[in-house]
Amino acid sequence: MQIDPLNSLNALPGVEPVRNEDPTVTRQLTTAVRALNQAGLYGQDRQLQFARDPQTKAMVIQVVRPSTGEVIDQVPPQTVLEAFRNLEQNAG
């Protein structure tokens, strides 16, 4: 994973890094994600990443295989994000 797992979802289409108005909260989250990834709790070649969906502004949590970029698991699932985006588009 890159130095800052919190912002490493930049390469994924449609997902922007988490930005928080409070830099203290951002630092704490970054530190926690790094600690979890260094502990290897998600298994070999798996890392936790956080991002914010740019359209829905929902927090996206992913377990990613950094060697390939494969998303192993995601909360909320992509289908839920897409449904929410469709609802927002139809409402506006």
Protein backbone atom coordinates (compact mmCIF):
# COMPACT_ATOMS: atom_id res chain seq x y z
CA MET A 1 0.00 0.00 0.00
CA GLN A 2 1.10 3.55 -0.50
CA ILE A 3 2.44 5.55 2.39
CA ASP A 4 -1.02 6.90 3.16
CA PRO A 5 -3.62 4.12 2.84
CA LEU A 6 -6.30 6.64 3.65
CA ASN A 7 -5.75 8.36 0.32
CA SER A 8 -4.63 5.42 -1.77
CA LEU A 9 -7.98 5.01 -3.50
CA ASN A 10 -7.11 7.88 -5.84
CA ALA A 11 -6.37 5.37 -8.60
CA LEU A 12 -9.83 3.82 -8.40
CA PRO A 13 -12.32 5.38 -10.79
CA GLY A 14 -15.11 7.33 -9.18
CA VAL A 15 -13.66 7.39 -5.67
CA GLU A 16 -11.96 10.35 -4.05
CA PRO A 17 -9.77 10.33 -0.93
CA VAL A 18 -11.29 11.09 2.43
CA ARG A 19 -10.97 14.72 3.37
CA ASN A 20 -12.11 15.92 6.74
CA GLU A 21 -12.35 19.53 7.84
CA ASP A 22 -10.71 18.60 11.13
CA PRO A 23 -7.05 17.67 10.50
CA THR A 24 -6.85 15.98 13.91
CA VAL A 25 -9.56 13.49 12.95
CA THR A 26 -7.87 12.85 9.60
CA ARG A 27 -4.53 12.17 11.32
CA GLN A 28 -6.18 9.84 13.83
CA LEU A 29 -7.96 7.90 11.09
CA THR A 30 -4.77 7.68 9.03
CA THR A 31 -2.83 6.42 12.04
CA ALA A 32 -5.48 3.82 12.85
CA VAL A 33 -5.61 2.53 9.26
CA ARG A 34 -1.81 2.29 9.10
CA ALA A 35 -1.72 0.39 12.40
CA LEU A 36 -4.37 -2.07 11.22
CA ASN A 37 -2.56 -2.64 7.93
CA GLN A 38 0.83 -3.08 9.60
CA ALA A 39 -0.67 -5.60 12.03
CA GLY A 40 -1.67 -7.76 9.06
CA LEU A 41 -5.16 -8.34 10.42
CA TYR A 42 -6.61 -8.61 6.93
CA GLY A 43 -4.20 -11.30 5.78
CA GLN A 44 -1.25 -11.35 3.50
CA ASP A 45 -1.43 -8.94 0.55
CA ARG A 46 -4.63 -7.29 1.84
CA GLN A 47 -5.05 -3.78 3.14
CA LEU A 48 -7.82 -1.62 4.50
CA GLN A 49 -8.59 1.62 2.65
CA PHE A 50 -11.04 4.45 3.25
CA ALA A 51 -12.42 6.89 0.69
CA ARG A 52 -15.46 9.02 0.06
CA ASP A 53 -17.67 8.43 -2.97
CA PRO A 54 -17.61 11.76 -4.85
CA GLN A 55 -21.27 11.67 -5.90
CA THR A 56 -23.01 10.37 -2.79
CA LYS A 57 -20.38 11.61 -0.31
CA ALA A 58 -20.77 8.25 1.45
CA MET A 59 -17.77 6.78 3.24
CA VAL A 60 -16.45 3.73 1.39
CA ILE A 61 -14.38 1.14 3.24
CA GLN A 62 -12.52 -1.41 1.15
CA VAL A 63 -10.26 -4.38 1.67
CA VAL A 64 -7.91 -4.29 -1.31
CA ARG A 65 -5.17 -6.51 -2.70
CA PRO A 66 -2.53 -3.82 -3.31
CA SER A 67 -0.45 -5.93 -5.69
CA THR A 68 -3.33 -6.08 -8.19
CA GLY A 69 -5.70 -3.31 -7.07
CA GLU A 70 -8.48 -5.91 -6.71
CA VAL A 71 -11.22 -4.91 -4.28
CA ILE A 72 -11.84 -7.99 -2.15
CA ASP A 73 -14.64 -6.52 -0.06
CA GLN A 74 -16.36 -3.15 0.16
CA VAL A 75 -18.82 -1.48 2.52
CA PRO A 76 -21.24 -0.28 1.29
CA PRO A 77 -21.26 -2.55 -1.75
CA GLN A 78 -20.91 -0.93 -5.16
CA THR A 79 -24.50 -1.87 -6.00
CA VAL A 80 -25.76 0.14 -3.01
CA LEU A 81 -23.70 3.18 -4.06
CA GLU A 82 -25.04 2.93 -7.61
CA ALA A 83 -28.64 2.64 -6.36
CA PHE A 84 -28.15 5.70 -4.17
CA ARG A 85 -26.65 7.65 -7.09
CA ASN A 86 -29.66 6.70 -9.25
CA LEU A 87 -32.07 7.84 -6.52
CA GLU A 88 -30.26 11.18 -6.24
CA GLN A 89 -30.30 11.69 -10.02
CA ASN A 90 -34.00 10.88 -10.30
CA ALA A 91 -34.90 13.09 -7.35
CA GLY A 92 -33.08 16.13 -8.72
